[in-house]
Amino acid sequence: MNEAYVLLNVDYKEQKDIIEKAKKIPGVKTVKTVYGIYDILIILESNDMQQIKTAIDVHIHGMSGINNLTSLISVN
C-alpha cells in the first residue's frame, strides 16, 4: 500500500471549503486540521500510485485558496 502525506498552507477563509473538497477526492483516507507551520494534513492511501499522483497533481493542486503545498510520498 502506498501512502502520501500532503501538507497545506491555506487562506483561512477557504479552509472549510478545502477540507470538504479534499474529503471527496478518491484515495483520501484522512483530512485533518493541524496547528503549526501547516494548516491542513491530507493522508492518501492506494495500491495504485497513479491514483495518488492524480489526487495531488489534479485534484489538490486545482483547488483555490491553497498558498503552499508539500507532499511526502511513501512507497513500499
C-alpha atoms as a PDB file:
ATOM      1  CA  MET A   1       0.000   0.000   0.000  1.00  0.00           C
ATOM      2  CA  ASN A   2       1.335   3.414  -0.982  1.00  0.00           C
ATOM      3  CA  GLU A   3       0.756   6.424   1.241  1.00  0.00           C
ATOM      4  CA  ALA A   4       1.161  10.138   0.700  1.00  0.00           C
ATOM      5  CA  TYR A   5       1.026  12.956   3.208  1.00  0.00           C
ATOM      6  CA  VAL A   6       0.081  16.357   1.819  1.00  0.00           C
ATOM      7  CA  LEU A   7       0.631  19.420   3.987  1.00  0.00           C
ATOM      8  CA  LEU A   8      -1.168  22.619   3.030  1.00  0.00           C
ATOM      9  CA  ASN A   9      -0.941  26.296   3.888  1.00  0.00           C
ATOM     10  CA  VAL A  10      -4.293  27.815   3.022  1.00  0.00           C
ATOM     11  CA  ASP A  11      -6.227  31.073   3.133  1.00  0.00           C
ATOM     12  CA  TYR A  12      -8.209  30.963   6.373  1.00  0.00           C
ATOM     13  CA  LYS A  13     -11.437  31.960   4.589  1.00  0.00           C
ATOM     14  CA  GLU A  14     -11.120  28.955   2.246  1.00  0.00           C
ATOM     15  CA  GLN A  15     -10.099  26.365   4.857  1.00  0.00           C
ATOM     16  CA  LYS A  16     -13.503  24.728   5.480  1.00  0.00           C
ATOM     17  CA  ASP A  17     -14.219  24.522   1.749  1.00  0.00           C
ATOM     18  CA  ILE A  18     -10.818  22.954   1.044  1.00  0.00           C
ATOM     19  CA  ILE A  19     -11.366  20.361   3.793  1.00  0.00           C
ATOM     20  CA  GLU A  20     -14.780  19.374   2.422  1.00  0.00           C
ATOM     21  CA  LYS A  21     -13.484  19.118  -1.159  1.00  0.00           C
ATOM     22  CA  ALA A  22     -10.438  17.105  -0.068  1.00  0.00           C
ATOM     23  CA  LYS A  23     -12.606  14.524   1.709  1.00  0.00           C
ATOM     24  CA  LYS A  24     -14.283  13.715  -1.633  1.00  0.00           C
ATOM     25  CA  ILE A  25     -11.049  13.027  -3.552  1.00  0.00           C
ATOM     26  CA  PRO A  26     -10.516   9.351  -4.473  1.00  0.00           C
ATOM     27  CA  GLY A  27      -7.771   7.819  -2.352  1.00  0.00           C
ATOM     28  CA  VAL A  28      -8.067  10.274   0.541  1.00  0.00           C
ATOM     29  CA  LYS A  29      -8.010   8.398   3.832  1.00  0.00           C
ATOM     30  CA  THR A  30      -7.940  11.312   6.292  1.00  0.00           C
ATOM     31  CA  VAL A  31      -8.160  15.106   6.292  1.00  0.00           C
ATOM     32  CA  LYS A  32      -7.157  16.925   9.475  1.00  0.00           C
ATOM     33  CA  THR A  33      -6.774  20.496  10.621  1.00  0.00           C
ATOM     34  CA  VAL A  34      -3.332  20.915  12.182  1.00  0.00           C
ATOM     35  CA  TYR A  35      -1.578  23.675  14.094  1.00  0.00           C
ATOM     36  CA  GLY A  36       1.938  24.888  13.440  1.00  0.00           C
ATOM     37  CA  ILE A  37       3.577  25.659  10.118  1.00  0.00           C
ATOM     38  CA  TYR A  38       0.782  23.982   8.129  1.00  0.00           C
ATOM     39  CA  ASP A  39      -2.999  24.313   8.290  1.00  0.00           C
ATOM     40  CA  ILE A  40      -4.274  21.038   6.804  1.00  0.00           C
ATOM     41  CA  LEU A  41      -2.914  17.474   6.585  1.00  0.00           C
ATOM     42  CA  ILE A  42      -4.297  15.152   3.917  1.00  0.00           C
ATOM     43  CA  ILE A  43      -3.393  11.457   4.041  1.00  0.00           C
ATOM     44  CA  LEU A  44      -3.864   9.490   0.837  1.00  0.00           C
ATOM     45  CA  GLU A  45      -3.665   5.725   0.543  1.00  0.00           C
ATOM     46  CA  SER A  46      -3.849   3.489  -2.519  1.00  0.00           C
ATOM     47  CA  ASN A  47      -2.328   0.440  -4.158  1.00  0.00           C
ATOM     48  CA  ASP A  48      -2.309   2.485  -7.360  1.00  0.00           C
ATOM     49  CA  MET A  49       0.431   5.141  -7.345  1.00  0.00           C
ATOM     50  CA  GLN A  50      -1.224   6.845 -10.329  1.00  0.00           C
ATOM     51  CA  GLN A  51      -4.338   7.465  -8.222  1.00  0.00           C
ATOM     52  CA  ILE A  52      -2.209   9.229  -5.605  1.00  0.00           C
ATOM     53  CA  LYS A  53      -0.401  11.245  -8.284  1.00  0.00           C
ATOM     54  CA  THR A  54      -3.696  12.306  -9.874  1.00  0.00           C
ATOM     55  CA  ALA A  55      -5.163  13.246  -6.496  1.00  0.00           C
ATOM     56  CA  ILE A  56      -2.204  15.534  -5.782  1.00  0.00           C
ATOM     57  CA  ASP A  57      -1.486  16.900  -9.273  1.00  0.00           C
ATOM     58  CA  VAL A  58      -5.054  17.393 -10.463  1.00  0.00           C
ATOM     59  CA  HIS A  59      -7.483  17.495  -7.559  1.00  0.00           C
ATOM     60  CA  ILE A  60      -5.482  19.158  -4.791  1.00  0.00           C
ATOM     61  CA  HIS A  61      -3.386  21.497  -6.957  1.00  0.00           C
ATOM     62  CA  GLY A  62      -6.604  22.551  -8.689  1.00  0.00           C
ATOM     63  CA  MET A  63      -8.219  23.891  -5.520  1.00  0.00           C
ATOM     64  CA  SER A  64      -8.329  27.618  -4.939  1.00  0.00           C
ATOM     65  CA  GLY A  65      -7.140  29.039  -1.629  1.00  0.00           C
ATOM     66  CA  ILE A  66      -4.003  26.909  -1.297  1.00  0.00           C
ATOM     67  CA  ASN A  67      -0.902  29.056  -0.748  1.00  0.00           C
ATOM     68  CA  ASN A  68       1.667  26.279  -0.359  1.00  0.00           C
ATOM     69  CA  LEU A  69       1.671  22.503  -0.757  1.00  0.00           C
ATOM     70  CA  THR A  70       4.250  19.999   0.451  1.00  0.00           C
ATOM     71  CA  SER A  71       3.849  16.326  -0.415  1.00  0.00           C
ATOM     72  CA  LEU A  72       5.600  13.373   1.183  1.00  0.00           C
ATOM     73  CA  ILE A  73       5.130  10.107  -0.676  1.00  0.00           C
ATOM     74  CA  SER A  74       5.913   6.748   0.920  1.00  0.00           C
ATOM     75  CA  VAL A  75       6.365   3.844  -1.477  1.00  0.00           C
ATOM     76  CA  ASN A  76       6.634   0.247  -0.261  1.00  0.00           C
END
